[in-house]
Each structure stands twice: as structure tokens, then as C-alpha cells.
Amino acid sequence: MSLFVVIGAIFMIGGLTALAIALRHRREQRPRYAAMLIGGMMATAFGLVLAGFSVAYKATAPLDLNATGEGAR
């Protein structure tokens, strides 16, 4: 397991926590909870993308652009 997967999971947990708090207080109409809602969505998406790209990078083989034998012209 890569360090980026762990960091991504931490961001996702933190973002989901901020989302839950903001959604619980949504009737108060305070700017603090609107900011927490936006920040929670952004942190959750960042964690998901970070972990997803890390898994995809580890699962694929390296790309060899010179495998066809044609060099730069």
C-alpha cells in the first residue's frame, strides 16, 4: 500500500467528517457551515483522486514510447 493511498484516505475521512457536520447544521444559514460544506466536498474529492491515481499508477506497466522502433524525426 502506497503512502498516497493512506494520505488520500485521511483526506476522505476528514472531508466526509466536515460534510457531516455541515449537513447537520444546514438550517442555521451560517457562512461557516457553507464553507465547511464546500471544503468537505473538495477534500473528499481530492482524497479520492489522490488514492485512485496512486492505485492506477501501481497497477499499470510503464509506457515505452520507443517500443515501435521509430525514433524522433
C-alpha atoms as a PDB file:
ATOM      1  CA  MET A   1       0.000   0.000   0.000  1.00  0.00           C
ATOM      2  CA  SER A   2       1.355   3.343  -1.027  1.00  0.00           C
ATOM      3  CA  LEU A   3       1.707   6.356   1.219  1.00  0.00           C
ATOM      4  CA  PHE A   4      -0.538   8.285  -1.180  1.00  0.00           C
ATOM      5  CA  VAL A   5      -3.384   5.836  -0.583  1.00  0.00           C
ATOM      6  CA  VAL A   6      -3.091   6.448   3.153  1.00  0.00           C
ATOM      7  CA  ILE A   7      -2.969  10.231   2.678  1.00  0.00           C
ATOM      8  CA  GLY A   8      -5.947  10.032   0.321  1.00  0.00           C
ATOM      9  CA  ALA A   9      -7.925   8.001   2.851  1.00  0.00           C
ATOM     10  CA  ILE A  10      -7.147  10.538   5.575  1.00  0.00           C
ATOM     11  CA  PHE A  11      -8.341  13.376   3.332  1.00  0.00           C
ATOM     12  CA  MET A  12     -11.501  11.446   2.501  1.00  0.00           C
ATOM     13  CA  ILE A  13     -12.297  10.770   6.164  1.00  0.00           C
ATOM     14  CA  GLY A  14     -11.668  14.408   7.083  1.00  0.00           C
ATOM     15  CA  GLY A  15     -13.764  15.638   4.170  1.00  0.00           C
ATOM     16  CA  LEU A  16     -16.643  13.328   4.996  1.00  0.00           C
ATOM     17  CA  THR A  17     -16.498  14.453   8.620  1.00  0.00           C
ATOM     18  CA  ALA A  18     -16.696  18.114   7.561  1.00  0.00           C
ATOM     19  CA  LEU A  19     -19.580  17.260   5.226  1.00  0.00           C
ATOM     20  CA  ALA A  20     -21.483  15.513   8.002  1.00  0.00           C
ATOM     21  CA  ILE A  21     -21.032  18.446  10.374  1.00  0.00           C
ATOM     22  CA  ALA A  22     -22.086  20.961   7.713  1.00  0.00           C
ATOM     23  CA  LEU A  23     -25.145  18.953   6.727  1.00  0.00           C
ATOM     24  CA  ARG A  24     -26.200  18.567  10.345  1.00  0.00           C
ATOM     25  CA  HIS A  25     -26.168  22.384  10.796  1.00  0.00           C
ATOM     26  CA  ARG A  26     -27.532  23.369   7.381  1.00  0.00           C
ATOM     27  CA  ARG A  27     -30.649  25.063   8.803  1.00  0.00           C
ATOM     28  CA  GLU A  28     -28.610  27.645  10.718  1.00  0.00           C
ATOM     29  CA  GLN A  29     -27.678  29.514   7.495  1.00  0.00           C
ATOM     30  CA  ARG A  30     -24.224  30.490   8.777  1.00  0.00           C
ATOM     31  CA  PRO A  31     -21.311  31.098   6.387  1.00  0.00           C
ATOM     32  CA  ARG A  32     -19.096  28.830   8.480  1.00  0.00           C
ATOM     33  CA  TYR A  33     -21.149  25.764   7.610  1.00  0.00           C
ATOM     34  CA  ALA A  34     -21.378  26.728   3.953  1.00  0.00           C
ATOM     35  CA  ALA A  35     -17.583  26.911   3.883  1.00  0.00           C
ATOM     36  CA  MET A  36     -17.347  23.556   5.659  1.00  0.00           C
ATOM     37  CA  LEU A  37     -19.685  22.052   3.067  1.00  0.00           C
ATOM     38  CA  ILE A  38     -17.555  23.299   0.175  1.00  0.00           C
ATOM     39  CA  GLY A  39     -14.280  22.387   1.871  1.00  0.00           C
ATOM     40  CA  GLY A  40     -15.554  18.943   2.814  1.00  0.00           C
ATOM     41  CA  MET A  41     -16.562  18.220  -0.772  1.00  0.00           C
ATOM     42  CA  MET A  42     -13.201  19.420  -2.051  1.00  0.00           C
ATOM     43  CA  ALA A  43     -11.211  17.387   0.492  1.00  0.00           C
ATOM     44  CA  THR A  44     -13.249  14.254  -0.206  1.00  0.00           C
ATOM     45  CA  ALA A  45     -12.769  14.609  -3.961  1.00  0.00           C
ATOM     46  CA  PHE A  46      -9.038  15.296  -3.558  1.00  0.00           C
ATOM     47  CA  GLY A  47      -8.570  12.229  -1.372  1.00  0.00           C
ATOM     48  CA  LEU A  48     -10.477  10.044  -3.803  1.00  0.00           C
ATOM     49  CA  VAL A  49      -8.473  11.297  -6.800  1.00  0.00           C
ATOM     50  CA  LEU A  50      -5.146  11.003  -4.960  1.00  0.00           C
ATOM     51  CA  ALA A  51      -5.807   7.434  -3.847  1.00  0.00           C
ATOM     52  CA  GLY A  52      -7.278   6.453  -7.227  1.00  0.00           C
ATOM     53  CA  PHE A  53      -4.337   7.731  -9.240  1.00  0.00           C
ATOM     54  CA  SER A  54      -1.911   6.074  -6.833  1.00  0.00           C
ATOM     55  CA  VAL A  55      -3.622   2.703  -7.251  1.00  0.00           C
ATOM     56  CA  ALA A  56      -3.797   3.118 -11.039  1.00  0.00           C
ATOM     57  CA  TYR A  57      -0.096   4.065 -11.191  1.00  0.00           C
ATOM     58  CA  LYS A  58       0.905   0.982  -9.208  1.00  0.00           C
ATOM     59  CA  ALA A  59      -1.343  -1.337 -11.254  1.00  0.00           C
ATOM     60  CA  THR A  60      -0.183  -0.390 -14.761  1.00  0.00           C
ATOM     61  CA  ALA A  61       3.020  -1.183 -16.572  1.00  0.00           C
ATOM     62  CA  PRO A  62       5.355   1.627 -17.630  1.00  0.00           C
ATOM     63  CA  LEU A  63       4.699   3.104 -21.058  1.00  0.00           C
ATOM     64  CA  ASP A  64       7.560   2.617 -23.509  1.00  0.00           C
ATOM     65  CA  LEU A  65       7.174   5.102 -26.340  1.00  0.00           C
ATOM     66  CA  ASN A  66      10.184   3.703 -28.209  1.00  0.00           C
ATOM     67  CA  ALA A  67       8.812   0.160 -28.475  1.00  0.00           C
ATOM     68  CA  THR A  68       7.813   0.578 -32.151  1.00  0.00           C
ATOM     69  CA  GLY A  69      11.362   1.331 -33.258  1.00  0.00           C
ATOM     70  CA  GLU A  70      10.532   4.723 -34.729  1.00  0.00           C
ATOM     71  CA  GLY A  71      12.711   7.434 -33.269  1.00  0.00           C
ATOM     72  CA  ALA A  72      12.234  11.143 -33.118  1.00  0.00           C
ATOM     73  CA  ARG A  73      12.323  12.795 -36.524  1.00  0.00           C
END
